[in-house]
Every structure is written in C-alpha cells, then in structure tokens.
Amino acid sequence: MDVLEIIKDCRIVPVVKIDDAEKAVPLAKALLAGGIPIIEITYRTQAAQASIAKIVKACPQMTVGAGTVISPELAKSAVLAGASFLVSPGSNDATIEWASKHNIPVIPGVATPTEIESALMKGINVLKLFPAEVLGGVRLVDALKGPFPQVQFLPTGGVSEDNAASYLHRSNVIAVGGTWMVKSELIESENWEEITKLCRKACASRNA
C-alpha cells in the first residue's frame, strides 16, 4: 500500500512537535496501541531528524512522514532519516521539484484557488489545506469541491476532537491532520496512556 493509500485508510494524521528524540519511540508505540499507524514529525525542533530515524528503526509498522518541510534541505534531511512522505505548510517549487526528482510523496499546503491550480499544474492533487479553520473550515472545503473535484484535501490547523468528524464527512477530504491526541504537554510528561486513549477515541469518531 502506498503512502497516500495509507493516509486515506487511516484518515487521521497526528502532527507531532517533539523536543526530545528519546521520547519518539514511546510516542510512536502509544499511537500504534491507539490504532493510528501513521505520524508526521514536524521540523519545528532540532530533534526532528533523530526522532524520525528512531521511529523508522524501532517501529517498522509505522508510516513516518515529515512536516513543516519548507526547503529542499529539510526534505533531504527527512528522507535521509527515513521519512516516507513530506508535508509543507505552503508550496514552494524547489521543495516540490526535489521531492518529485527523488520520487517522494509530497503534500504541499494551499490556502487559495490560485495555489490549488498551481499544484495541479505540477501533477499534485492531494493538498494540505492550511490553516483550515482560519480559512473557513468545512465551508471552504465544500466551496472548493465544485471547481476542483479532482482534489483531495488534508485539512490541518484548528482541526480538533470536536470538529474532525465534520471534515471527514466531506468526500474531498482524504484525512485530517491534528495535534489534539499528541499535545506537547502529554509528550513532555510521557503520558503515553492518555495519548493511546485519545487515539482510540479519535479512531472511533472518524466513522461517527
């Protein structure tokens, strides 16, 4: 199963900011125990590359991606660590071209119809909608379906336990990205049981 199929099957992509790479593997195991076999490690801390590498080595059943990939240099770092997909908050040609050259799935961020058209011209039709709630939430997702029926969105930014299901009910949403089950304070306190509990709850709600 390729990465996009895994994302489509899981429907929830935990977006993780991790400061201590030693917590990466216990975190991944907590997600797996909660029924979520995918993780996006954001390049917002110095621990990102090491965290990806540790999870890839210790948890082969986990699909590991890198987020906040805003340059080819970060893309290379992530892929060398073992990341199997890349996610960006926006779109830049250099990163997309690097990913395409190296056959790495990339999900660039979009916020406007113009950016969506630009991505389609590059052959990319799975796009991160960011910041989803600020931009209009499910109303925007609905509005974009008409002119862009070929696009599948990964809304991220403001997606929560309370509104995730409303996004997932939309046929043009492949999955949602969020932090509500992997909050920084839960990772910092190593509250793996609570993370597993929140993941199970998220899995139950995706079919609600």
Protein backbone atom coordinates (compact mmCIF):
# COMPACT_ATOMS: atom_id res chain seq x y z
CA MET A 1 0.00 0.00 0.00
CA ASP A 2 1.46 3.37 -0.96
CA VAL A 3 1.63 6.34 1.39
CA LEU A 4 -1.44 8.14 0.08
CA GLU A 5 -3.48 4.95 0.41
CA ILE A 6 -2.29 4.57 4.00
CA ILE A 7 -3.30 8.17 4.74
CA LYS A 8 -6.68 7.59 3.12
CA ASP A 9 -7.17 4.39 5.09
CA CYS A 10 -6.16 5.90 8.44
CA ARG A 11 -7.96 9.24 7.90
CA ILE A 12 -6.14 10.86 10.87
CA VAL A 13 -2.55 12.09 10.74
CA PRO A 14 -1.11 13.09 14.13
CA VAL A 15 1.05 16.19 13.73
CA VAL A 16 3.87 16.00 16.26
CA LYS A 17 6.25 18.61 17.63
CA ILE A 18 8.85 16.78 19.67
CA ASP A 19 11.72 18.33 21.60
CA ASP A 20 13.40 15.16 22.87
CA ALA A 21 14.17 12.39 20.39
CA GLU A 22 14.31 9.87 23.24
CA LYS A 23 10.54 10.23 23.56
CA ALA A 24 9.92 9.47 19.88
CA VAL A 25 9.70 5.68 20.04
CA PRO A 26 7.45 5.51 23.14
CA LEU A 27 5.22 8.08 21.43
CA ALA A 28 5.04 6.01 18.24
CA LYS A 29 4.19 2.90 20.25
CA ALA A 30 1.41 4.82 22.03
CA LEU A 31 -0.06 5.82 18.67
CA LEU A 32 0.12 2.25 17.38
CA ALA A 33 -1.57 0.98 20.54
CA GLY A 34 -4.33 3.51 19.91
CA GLY A 35 -4.89 2.29 16.36
CA ILE A 36 -3.04 5.02 14.42
CA PRO A 37 -0.15 3.66 12.31
CA ILE A 38 0.98 7.00 10.87
CA ILE A 39 2.83 10.01 12.26
CA GLU A 40 4.02 13.37 10.93
CA ILE A 41 7.09 14.68 12.75
CA THR A 42 7.35 18.44 12.21
CA TYR A 43 10.62 20.19 11.53
CA ARG A 44 9.94 22.75 14.25
CA THR A 45 12.64 21.46 16.61
CA GLN A 46 16.22 20.23 16.40
CA ALA A 47 15.00 16.75 17.39
CA ALA A 48 13.01 16.14 14.19
CA GLN A 49 15.56 14.20 12.16
CA ALA A 50 16.66 11.99 15.05
CA SER A 51 13.05 11.34 16.04
CA ILE A 52 12.17 10.19 12.52
CA ALA A 53 15.19 7.91 12.39
CA LYS A 54 14.46 6.33 15.77
CA ILE A 55 10.81 5.61 14.91
CA VAL A 56 11.66 4.18 11.49
CA LYS A 57 14.17 1.81 13.07
CA ALA A 58 12.11 0.74 16.09
CA CYS A 59 8.59 0.70 14.62
CA PRO A 60 8.65 -0.63 11.04
CA GLN A 61 4.86 -0.87 11.05
CA MET A 62 4.59 2.90 11.49
CA THR A 63 4.42 5.12 8.40
CA VAL A 64 6.60 8.12 9.23
CA GLY A 65 6.37 11.46 7.48
CA ALA A 66 7.99 14.84 7.98
CA GLY A 67 6.07 18.08 8.38
CA THR A 68 6.95 21.77 8.12
CA VAL A 69 9.28 20.86 5.26
CA ILE A 70 9.90 24.29 3.79
CA SER A 71 13.09 23.72 1.79
CA PRO A 72 14.90 21.04 -0.21
CA GLU A 73 17.49 20.89 2.59
CA LEU A 74 14.86 19.87 5.13
CA ALA A 75 13.35 17.43 2.63
CA LYS A 76 16.74 15.76 2.20
CA SER A 77 17.25 15.62 5.97
CA ALA A 78 13.88 13.96 6.46
CA VAL A 79 14.32 11.40 3.71
CA LEU A 80 17.83 10.50 4.89
CA ALA A 81 16.29 9.83 8.30
CA GLY A 82 13.74 7.51 6.70
CA ALA A 83 10.65 9.66 6.19
CA SER A 84 8.35 8.21 3.54
CA PHE A 85 6.36 11.37 2.83
CA LEU A 86 6.70 15.14 3.18
CA VAL A 87 4.18 17.79 4.21
CA SER A 88 4.60 21.56 3.90
CA PRO A 89 2.59 24.45 5.35
CA GLY A 90 2.79 26.17 1.97
CA SER A 91 4.04 25.44 -1.53
CA ASN A 92 7.43 26.21 -2.99
CA ASP A 93 8.70 24.96 -6.29
CA ALA A 94 12.15 23.96 -5.05
CA THR A 95 10.85 21.54 -2.43
CA ILE A 96 8.23 20.08 -4.75
CA GLU A 97 10.81 19.61 -7.50
CA TRP A 98 13.23 17.91 -5.10
CA ALA A 99 10.53 15.53 -3.89
CA SER A 100 9.45 14.74 -7.45
CA LYS A 101 13.04 14.09 -8.54
CA HIS A 102 13.51 11.62 -5.68
CA ASN A 103 10.06 10.01 -6.01
CA ILE A 104 8.98 11.08 -2.51
CA PRO A 105 5.28 11.82 -1.99
CA VAL A 106 4.81 15.47 -1.02
CA ILE A 107 1.65 17.17 0.24
CA PRO A 108 2.14 20.91 -0.15
CA GLY A 109 -0.02 23.41 1.70
CA VAL A 110 -2.55 25.61 -0.04
CA ALA A 111 -4.86 28.39 1.07
CA THR A 112 -6.25 29.80 -2.19
CA PRO A 113 -7.67 28.60 -5.52
CA THR A 114 -4.60 30.02 -7.26
CA GLU A 115 -2.31 27.81 -5.17
CA ILE A 116 -4.52 24.81 -5.87
CA GLU A 117 -4.29 25.44 -9.62
CA SER A 118 -0.51 25.76 -9.36
CA ALA A 119 -0.28 22.41 -7.56
CA LEU A 120 -2.48 20.73 -10.14
CA MET A 121 -0.22 22.03 -12.89
CA LYS A 122 2.61 20.16 -11.14
CA GLY A 123 0.57 16.95 -11.08
CA ILE A 124 -0.27 17.10 -7.35
CA ASN A 125 -3.90 16.61 -6.34
CA VAL A 126 -3.59 15.73 -2.64
CA LEU A 127 -3.09 19.01 -0.82
CA LYS A 128 -2.82 20.22 2.75
CA LEU A 129 -5.43 22.91 3.44
CA PHE A 130 -3.77 25.19 6.00
CA PRO A 131 -4.71 26.81 8.30
CA ALA A 132 -8.05 25.12 7.68
CA GLU A 133 -10.25 26.62 10.40
CA VAL A 134 -8.96 30.17 9.93
CA LEU A 135 -9.59 29.92 6.21
CA GLY A 136 -13.22 28.93 6.61
CA GLY A 137 -13.23 25.32 7.77
CA VAL A 138 -15.70 22.90 6.26
CA ARG A 139 -17.46 25.72 4.40
CA LEU A 140 -14.28 26.29 2.42
CA VAL A 141 -13.85 22.56 1.80
CA ASP A 142 -17.41 22.47 0.43
CA ALA A 143 -16.87 25.57 -1.70
CA LEU A 144 -13.72 24.15 -3.30
CA LYS A 145 -15.33 20.87 -4.31
CA GLY A 146 -17.15 22.35 -7.30
CA PRO A 147 -14.20 23.91 -9.16
CA PHE A 148 -11.69 21.28 -8.01
CA PRO A 149 -13.45 17.88 -7.99
CA GLN A 150 -10.14 16.11 -8.61
CA VAL A 151 -8.52 17.44 -5.40
CA GLN A 152 -8.35 15.64 -2.06
CA PHE A 153 -7.60 17.84 0.93
CA LEU A 154 -5.74 17.18 4.17
CA PRO A 155 -7.16 19.95 6.39
CA THR A 156 -4.79 20.93 9.20
CA GLY A 157 -4.74 23.88 11.55
CA GLY A 158 -7.56 24.19 14.05
CA VAL A 159 -8.80 20.65 13.46
CA SER A 160 -9.75 19.17 16.82
CA GLU A 161 -11.58 16.38 18.56
CA ASP A 162 -14.74 18.49 18.28
CA ASN A 163 -14.71 19.18 14.55
CA ALA A 164 -12.64 16.38 12.96
CA ALA A 165 -15.69 14.30 12.09
CA SER A 166 -17.30 17.20 10.22
CA TYR A 167 -14.27 17.39 7.93
CA LEU A 168 -14.11 13.63 7.47
CA HIS A 169 -17.71 13.55 6.30
CA ARG A 170 -16.63 15.50 3.19
CA SER A 171 -15.86 13.35 0.16
CA ASN A 172 -13.00 15.65 -0.89
CA VAL A 173 -11.14 15.16 2.41
CA ILE A 174 -8.59 12.33 2.36
CA ALA A 175 -7.76 12.74 6.06
CA VAL A 176 -7.29 15.38 8.73
CA GLY A 177 -4.11 16.44 10.45
CA GLY A 178 -4.11 17.46 14.09
CA THR A 179 -2.33 17.69 17.40
CA TRP A 180 -5.16 17.05 19.84
CA MET A 181 -4.08 13.48 20.59
CA VAL A 182 -0.35 14.34 20.72
CA LYS A 183 -0.27 17.59 22.68
CA SER A 184 3.18 18.79 23.70
CA GLU A 185 2.38 18.58 27.40
CA LEU A 186 1.36 14.93 27.06
CA ILE A 187 4.61 14.10 25.27
CA GLU A 188 6.69 16.10 27.73
CA SER A 189 5.10 14.33 30.70
CA GLU A 190 5.37 10.97 28.94
CA ASN A 191 1.67 10.34 29.41
CA TRP A 192 1.59 7.57 26.83
CA GLU A 193 -1.59 6.03 28.25
CA GLU A 194 -3.53 9.25 27.69
CA ILE A 195 -2.18 9.56 24.15
CA THR A 196 -3.28 6.00 23.40
CA LYS A 197 -6.69 6.75 24.88
CA LEU A 198 -7.08 9.89 22.75
CA CYS A 199 -6.01 7.97 19.64
CA ARG A 200 -8.61 5.29 20.27
CA LYS A 201 -11.23 7.97 20.74
CA ALA A 202 -10.16 9.67 17.51
CA CYS A 203 -10.36 6.37 15.63
CA ALA A 204 -13.88 5.80 16.95
CA SER A 205 -15.01 9.30 15.96
CA ARG A 206 -13.71 9.14 12.39
CA ASN A 207 -16.59 6.84 11.47
CA ALA A 208 -19.17 8.73 13.51
